[in-house]
Structures are given as structure tokens and as C-alpha cells.
Amino acid sequence: MVELMKKWSISSQIICDTANEMWYDVEMLNANKNLFLIKDRNKEVLFKSTDCCINSSLSLKLCDDKELTYNVLEKNWIRIAQSIYLNKNNVSSFDIKNSKLNFPLVVKPLDLWHWDWVYTEIKDKEELKTAIENCFKFSDNIILQEHIYWEEHRILVIWDDVIFGARRINAYVVADGESNIKELIEKENTNPLRWDGYDKPMSLIDIDKKLIE
């Protein structure tokens, strides 16, 4: 295995490990910022996280903008959740009663990653108001969608090959007959597979307002 990544590590780590298995050389230029080279005798490719020179600028723009991504999906007859796009200029005129959306809802920034500032299972107007206000602290454009309950997967594709797939499972603890829920969470957070951020397969369990509810 090559040197462990520091940020956005799972996808980048899989790329590096797969390259090693295929007998390519991996040179780490900056582990803290995921800058590395994959090379053989005749060619080398520079990666910044999972971005590389093989990706087109258009592909990068689509991936960095959820609205553009959804436009392409709909154009290709791939169903997405009912969505409304809001910005700081039109949010004052938005009224959930006049929209086609039904609770529960999801609110998320248009241009952030890794579930940052995503609010799910919003069940009433008060929760919706709070979520919208918080999202606008981090992005000028946000998306409202109906919450669809189903399994969530993350798939890594290189060229036409599926290299890796992961199913997201909500955090949970198992009673031991002695500990309360807070203590069980604290014990689970010592799991070596958990870490703050994306350096390991699972994140720490945060005791936040949503979890308490």
C-alpha cells in the first residue's frame, strides 16, 4: 500500500492501491493535499485527489455543480428527486405551499461535497427555514428536494470499469445491557475504522441536534 492520504482519502487511496496492483509506480508529491503521480516507463499522470489531466474541464464543471449534473441525468432519462433551486435573490419569494414539493425534504448546497451542510428528513416549515438559513451561510445557491428513502451507494468508475462500490449505512450502536446510548456512542467512536473526516472508512458519530431528535 502507498502512503496513506490525508484528505478525501478513500477514493484517492483506492486509485493508488489499484495502480500498485497493476505494477504502476506511485509517487506522492503532497500527501496532505492528495497530489500524486502514477507512472510507468513511458507515461505519467498527475492527480489532485481524484481529479486528473484525463478529465475534461467540462466534466469537472458538471461534477462540481449539482444542478448541471441533474440536467444531464434528466436529459438521459435518469430519474432524480423533485427539485427546486434557490439563491439569495429568489429565496424571499419562495413558498413551500405553492411548490410541488412534499415533506420530508432535503436541503443542500449546490456546490459543496461530502455531505457538507446537507439537511435530510426535514418534516415541517420551521426545520426547513433553519436548514435554508444555515445552507446560505456556506453557499449562494442551494437545492430543495423531496427526501427519497432508499439505499445509497458510492461508485468509483475508471474509464469503463467499476473499480469500487460502497453502500452507505447510517450510524448505529448495539446495546450491551450496561451502557446508555451516549456511552455506547463514545465506545463506538474508538473503533479504529472511524475518524474525524474522510481519512478512514467511517466517520465519527456526532451527537448533534438531528441525532438527538
Protein backbone atom coordinates (compact mmCIF):
# COMPACT_ATOMS: atom_id res chain seq x y z
CA MET A 1 0.00 0.00 0.00
CA VAL A 2 1.23 3.51 -0.79
CA GLU A 3 1.48 6.25 1.80
CA LEU A 4 -1.93 6.96 3.34
CA MET A 5 -3.80 10.01 2.09
CA LYS A 6 -4.78 12.80 4.45
CA LYS A 7 -7.92 14.27 2.85
CA TRP A 8 -10.67 12.71 0.67
CA SER A 9 -8.63 9.61 1.25
CA ILE A 10 -10.90 6.69 0.35
CA SER A 11 -11.28 7.26 -3.42
CA SER A 12 -7.72 8.50 -3.88
CA GLN A 13 -6.33 5.64 -1.81
CA ILE A 14 -8.17 3.10 -3.95
CA ILE A 15 -6.73 4.67 -7.13
CA CYS A 16 -3.19 4.48 -5.71
CA ASP A 17 -3.59 0.93 -4.40
CA THR A 18 -5.09 -0.23 -7.71
CA ALA A 19 -2.17 1.35 -9.58
CA ASN A 20 0.26 -0.56 -7.34
CA GLU A 21 -1.58 -3.82 -8.03
CA MET A 22 -1.22 -3.13 -11.76
CA TRP A 23 2.54 -2.59 -11.28
CA TYR A 24 2.48 1.15 -11.88
CA ASP A 25 4.68 3.41 -9.76
CA VAL A 26 3.01 5.90 -7.42
CA GLU A 27 4.95 8.98 -6.36
CA MET A 28 3.46 11.05 -3.55
CA LEU A 29 4.13 14.75 -4.12
CA ASN A 30 1.98 16.10 -1.28
CA ALA A 31 0.16 13.60 0.94
CA ASN A 32 -1.62 16.31 2.94
CA LYS A 33 -3.31 17.65 -0.20
CA ASN A 34 -3.56 14.42 -2.21
CA LEU A 35 -1.19 15.38 -5.02
CA PHE A 36 0.44 12.34 -6.60
CA LEU A 37 1.82 10.86 -9.82
CA ILE A 38 1.01 7.47 -11.31
CA LYS A 39 3.57 6.44 -13.90
CA ASP A 40 5.33 3.74 -15.87
CA ARG A 41 8.37 3.94 -18.13
CA ASN A 42 6.58 5.78 -20.93
CA LYS A 43 3.95 7.98 -19.29
CA GLU A 44 2.99 9.69 -16.05
CA VAL A 45 -0.38 11.14 -14.97
CA LEU A 46 -0.74 13.83 -12.33
CA PHE A 47 -3.64 13.51 -9.88
CA LYS A 48 -5.07 16.03 -7.41
CA SER A 49 -7.32 13.87 -5.26
CA THR A 50 -9.46 12.03 -7.85
CA ASP A 51 -9.07 14.81 -10.44
CA CYS A 52 -6.50 14.30 -13.17
CA CYS A 53 -5.44 15.61 -16.56
CA ILE A 54 -7.55 12.94 -18.26
CA ASN A 55 -10.74 14.61 -17.02
CA SER A 56 -12.09 17.36 -19.26
CA SER A 57 -12.81 20.82 -17.87
CA LEU A 58 -16.47 20.31 -18.78
CA SER A 59 -16.68 17.07 -16.79
CA LEU A 60 -15.16 18.82 -13.80
CA LYS A 61 -17.71 21.66 -14.03
CA LEU A 62 -20.57 19.16 -14.18
CA CYS A 63 -19.29 17.27 -11.14
CA ASP A 64 -18.87 20.48 -9.14
CA ASP A 65 -22.41 21.72 -9.82
CA LYS A 66 -25.33 19.52 -8.73
CA GLU A 67 -27.84 21.39 -10.89
CA LEU A 68 -25.78 20.74 -14.04
CA THR A 69 -25.39 17.10 -13.01
CA TYR A 70 -29.17 16.74 -12.62
CA ASN A 71 -29.71 18.44 -16.01
CA VAL A 72 -27.55 15.79 -17.69
CA LEU A 73 -29.24 12.95 -15.78
CA GLU A 74 -32.71 14.13 -16.77
CA LYS A 75 -31.62 14.55 -20.38
CA ASN A 76 -30.65 10.87 -20.35
CA TRP A 77 -33.92 9.73 -18.76
CA ILE A 78 -32.38 9.03 -15.36
CA ARG A 79 -34.88 9.89 -12.65
CA ILE A 80 -33.94 12.32 -9.88
CA ALA A 81 -35.85 13.64 -6.89
CA GLN A 82 -38.26 16.53 -7.46
CA SER A 83 -36.04 19.59 -7.05
CA ILE A 84 -36.18 23.38 -6.65
CA TYR A 85 -33.13 25.62 -6.99
CA LEU A 86 -32.89 28.69 -4.77
CA ASN A 87 -30.43 31.54 -4.47
CA LYS A 88 -30.23 34.56 -2.21
CA ASN A 89 -32.13 36.66 -4.75
CA ASN A 90 -35.21 34.47 -5.16
CA VAL A 91 -35.50 32.80 -1.74
CA SER A 92 -37.66 35.60 -0.32
CA SER A 93 -40.41 34.78 -2.85
CA PHE A 94 -40.29 31.03 -2.21
CA ASP A 95 -43.31 29.47 -0.50
CA ILE A 96 -43.36 25.74 0.14
CA LYS A 97 -47.17 25.73 -0.11
CA ASN A 98 -47.02 26.89 -3.73
CA SER A 99 -44.30 24.43 -4.72
CA LYS A 100 -44.69 20.86 -5.93
CA LEU A 101 -42.53 19.53 -3.09
CA ASN A 102 -43.87 17.40 -0.26
CA PHE A 103 -42.34 16.81 3.16
CA PRO A 104 -39.99 15.27 4.19
CA LEU A 105 -37.40 17.34 2.35
CA VAL A 106 -33.67 17.57 1.78
CA VAL A 107 -31.80 20.90 1.65
CA LYS A 108 -28.20 21.04 0.40
CA PRO A 109 -25.70 23.47 -1.10
CA LEU A 110 -25.38 23.30 -4.86
CA ASP A 111 -21.57 23.28 -4.96
CA LEU A 112 -20.23 21.52 -1.84
CA TRP A 113 -19.09 17.91 -1.38
CA HIS A 114 -19.03 15.03 1.12
CA TRP A 115 -22.45 15.76 2.60
CA ASP A 116 -21.24 19.09 4.00
CA TRP A 117 -24.24 21.11 5.26
CA VAL A 118 -26.80 18.67 3.90
CA TYR A 119 -30.06 18.55 5.89
CA THR A 120 -32.27 15.48 5.50
CA GLU A 121 -35.69 14.31 6.68
CA ILE A 122 -36.96 17.88 7.15
CA LYS A 123 -40.53 17.41 8.35
CA ASP A 124 -42.00 20.92 8.79
CA LYS A 125 -41.67 24.59 7.79
CA GLU A 126 -39.68 25.52 10.89
CA GLU A 127 -36.99 22.89 10.21
CA LEU A 128 -36.98 23.96 6.56
CA LYS A 129 -36.43 27.62 7.46
CA THR A 130 -33.47 26.73 9.70
CA ALA A 131 -31.91 24.46 7.07
CA ILE A 132 -32.19 27.09 4.33
CA GLU A 133 -30.66 29.80 6.53
CA ASN A 134 -27.74 27.56 7.51
CA CYS A 135 -27.06 26.42 3.93
CA PHE A 136 -26.90 30.01 2.72
CA LYS A 137 -24.06 30.63 5.19
CA PHE A 138 -21.86 28.37 3.07
CA SER A 139 -23.22 28.66 -0.47
CA ASP A 140 -25.05 31.26 -2.56
CA ASN A 141 -27.10 28.55 -4.27
CA ILE A 142 -29.00 25.68 -2.66
CA ILE A 143 -31.25 22.82 -3.70
CA LEU A 144 -34.52 21.66 -2.14
CA GLN A 145 -35.58 18.10 -2.89
CA GLU A 146 -38.08 15.57 -1.72
CA HIS A 147 -36.46 13.01 0.56
CA ILE A 148 -36.44 9.56 -1.04
CA TYR A 149 -35.87 6.68 1.35
CA TRP A 150 -33.67 4.06 -0.29
CA GLU A 151 -30.17 2.66 -0.18
CA GLU A 152 -27.30 4.98 -1.03
CA HIS A 153 -24.20 3.85 -2.89
CA ARG A 154 -20.95 5.45 -3.95
CA ILE A 155 -19.39 4.04 -7.12
CA LEU A 156 -15.88 4.72 -8.43
CA VAL A 157 -15.52 4.24 -12.20
CA ILE A 158 -12.22 4.50 -14.08
CA TRP A 159 -12.81 4.57 -17.82
CA ASP A 160 -15.44 1.86 -18.35
CA ASP A 161 -14.60 -0.26 -15.31
CA VAL A 162 -16.29 -0.15 -11.91
CA ILE A 163 -13.32 -0.23 -9.52
CA PHE A 164 -15.07 0.16 -6.20
CA GLY A 165 -18.55 0.32 -4.69
CA ALA A 166 -19.66 1.18 -1.16
CA ARG A 167 -23.10 1.18 0.47
CA ARG A 168 -23.73 3.93 2.99
CA ILE A 169 -25.18 2.69 6.27
CA ASN A 170 -26.45 5.11 8.88
CA ALA A 171 -24.50 5.06 12.13
CA TYR A 172 -25.90 2.84 14.87
CA VAL A 173 -24.92 1.28 18.20
CA VAL A 174 -25.81 -2.06 19.79
CA ALA A 175 -26.88 -2.25 23.43
CA ASP A 176 -24.66 -4.20 25.83
CA GLY A 177 -27.06 -4.30 28.78
CA GLU A 178 -24.95 -1.84 30.79
CA SER A 179 -24.17 1.37 28.89
CA ASN A 180 -26.53 4.19 27.95
CA ILE A 181 -26.70 5.46 24.36
CA LYS A 182 -24.18 8.26 24.93
CA GLU A 183 -21.68 5.80 26.39
CA LEU A 184 -22.27 3.36 23.51
CA ILE A 185 -21.55 6.15 21.01
CA GLU A 186 -18.35 7.08 22.84
CA LYS A 187 -17.25 3.43 22.73
CA GLU A 188 -18.07 3.12 19.01
CA ASN A 189 -16.06 6.27 18.27
CA THR A 190 -12.94 4.43 19.48
CA ASN A 191 -13.42 1.98 16.58
CA PRO A 192 -10.13 2.11 14.59
CA LEU A 193 -12.19 2.28 11.37
CA ARG A 194 -13.68 5.63 12.47
CA TRP A 195 -12.03 9.04 12.19
CA ASP A 196 -12.92 12.72 12.04
CA GLY A 197 -13.32 13.42 8.32
CA TYR A 198 -12.55 11.09 5.40
CA ASP A 199 -9.23 9.52 6.33
CA LYS A 200 -10.90 6.19 7.25
CA PRO A 201 -13.91 4.18 6.01
CA MET A 202 -16.29 5.57 8.68
CA SER A 203 -16.72 8.99 10.27
CA LEU A 204 -17.11 9.66 13.97
CA ILE A 205 -20.69 9.69 15.29
CA ASP A 206 -21.56 13.26 16.23
CA ILE A 207 -24.15 13.85 18.93
CA ASP A 208 -25.92 16.72 17.18
CA LYS A 209 -29.49 18.06 17.13
CA LYS A 210 -30.57 15.66 14.38
CA LEU A 211 -29.26 12.61 16.22
CA ILE A 212 -30.95 13.70 19.47
CA GLU A 213 -34.26 14.05 17.63
